[in-house]
Protein backbone atom coordinates (compact mmCIF):
# COMPACT_ATOMS: atom_id res chain seq x y z
CA MET A 1 79.18 -234.47 -58.07
CA ALA A 2 80.44 -234.19 -61.81
CA ALA A 3 78.67 -231.62 -64.13
CA LYS A 4 76.37 -233.07 -66.63
CA LEU A 5 77.73 -232.67 -70.25
CA SER A 6 75.62 -232.07 -73.36
CA ARG A 7 76.34 -233.96 -76.54
CA SER A 8 78.55 -231.18 -77.68
CA GLY A 9 80.70 -231.66 -74.59
CA LYS A 10 79.69 -228.41 -72.94
CA ASN A 11 78.09 -228.25 -69.49
CA ALA A 12 74.39 -228.86 -69.89
CA ALA A 13 72.20 -226.07 -68.30
CA PRO A 14 70.11 -227.40 -65.28
CA PRO A 15 66.32 -227.44 -65.98
CA SER A 16 64.50 -224.44 -64.78
CA ALA A 17 63.27 -224.67 -61.26
CA ALA A 18 59.89 -223.21 -62.51
CA ALA A 19 59.47 -225.60 -65.40
CA PRO A 20 57.87 -228.84 -64.37
CA THR A 21 59.54 -232.21 -65.19
CA LEU A 22 58.13 -234.40 -67.78
CA ALA A 23 57.00 -236.68 -64.91
CA GLU A 24 55.25 -233.89 -63.02
CA ALA A 25 53.52 -232.61 -66.09
CA VAL A 26 52.12 -235.98 -67.06
CA ARG A 27 50.90 -236.63 -63.52
CA ALA A 28 49.34 -233.20 -63.27
CA ALA A 29 47.65 -233.58 -66.56
CA ARG A 30 46.37 -237.14 -65.71
CA LEU A 31 44.95 -235.89 -62.41
CA ARG A 32 43.32 -232.92 -64.23
CA HIS A 33 41.62 -235.23 -66.66
CA GLY A 34 40.32 -237.35 -63.73
CA MET A 35 42.06 -240.54 -65.00
CA THR A 36 43.83 -243.28 -63.18
CA GLN A 37 47.13 -244.55 -64.42
CA THR A 38 45.35 -247.72 -65.60
CA GLU A 39 42.91 -245.44 -67.63
CA LEU A 40 45.72 -243.51 -69.08
CA ALA A 41 47.65 -246.70 -69.99
CA GLY A 42 44.57 -248.00 -71.83
CA LEU A 43 44.07 -244.73 -73.74
CA SER A 44 47.62 -244.20 -74.72
CA GLY A 45 48.14 -247.92 -75.67
CA THR A 46 50.78 -248.36 -73.14
CA GLY A 47 50.96 -250.45 -69.91
CA LEU A 48 50.31 -249.49 -66.29
CA ARG A 49 53.88 -250.12 -65.35
CA PHE A 50 55.04 -247.81 -68.12
CA VAL A 51 52.87 -244.84 -66.87
CA SER A 52 53.88 -245.47 -63.25
CA GLU A 53 57.45 -245.33 -64.19
CA LEU A 54 56.95 -242.26 -66.40
CA GLU A 55 55.29 -240.40 -63.63
CA ARG A 56 58.14 -241.40 -61.16
CA GLY A 57 60.74 -240.02 -63.56
CA LYS A 58 62.42 -243.23 -64.67
CA PRO A 59 65.29 -242.25 -66.87
CA ASN A 60 64.98 -245.02 -69.43
CA VAL A 61 61.69 -244.76 -71.19
CA SER A 62 60.67 -245.25 -74.84
CA LEU A 63 60.11 -241.95 -76.56
CA SER A 64 57.42 -243.36 -78.73
CA LYS A 65 55.45 -244.40 -75.78
CA VAL A 66 56.08 -240.95 -74.03
CA VAL A 67 54.56 -239.36 -77.08
CA ALA A 68 51.60 -241.59 -76.98
CA VAL A 69 50.97 -240.85 -73.27
CA LEU A 70 51.35 -237.08 -74.04
CA ALA A 71 48.90 -237.23 -76.94
CA ALA A 72 46.33 -239.00 -74.79
CA LEU A 73 46.53 -236.13 -72.37
CA GLY A 74 46.46 -233.47 -74.99
CA LEU A 75 50.08 -232.45 -74.34
CA ARG A 76 52.97 -232.25 -76.72
CA LEU A 77 56.78 -232.59 -76.34
CA GLU A 78 58.79 -229.60 -77.05
CA VAL A 79 62.51 -229.68 -77.70
CA ARG A 80 64.46 -226.41 -77.29
CA GLY A 81 68.05 -225.72 -78.29
CA GLU A 82 70.55 -223.61 -76.37
CA ALA A 83 70.42 -219.89 -76.94
CA PRO A 84 73.15 -218.69 -79.37
């Protein structure tokens, strides 16, 4: 299997095993709020299919829709750079 490369061409660091994936975080937050996927879709202004695909970790999702779902759950997206 080939190593994943970052935009800089360097090997991308694998995500931490302790850090939840976006999909896991969204599903866990939705369940904590006692919401169905349909309710979250309505609250975030997205569709049921989008929420379902997001929770399954589909790689091609719209960032603006992801942010809307996170906002509906009281979550935020954090982007971290590589340590110098």
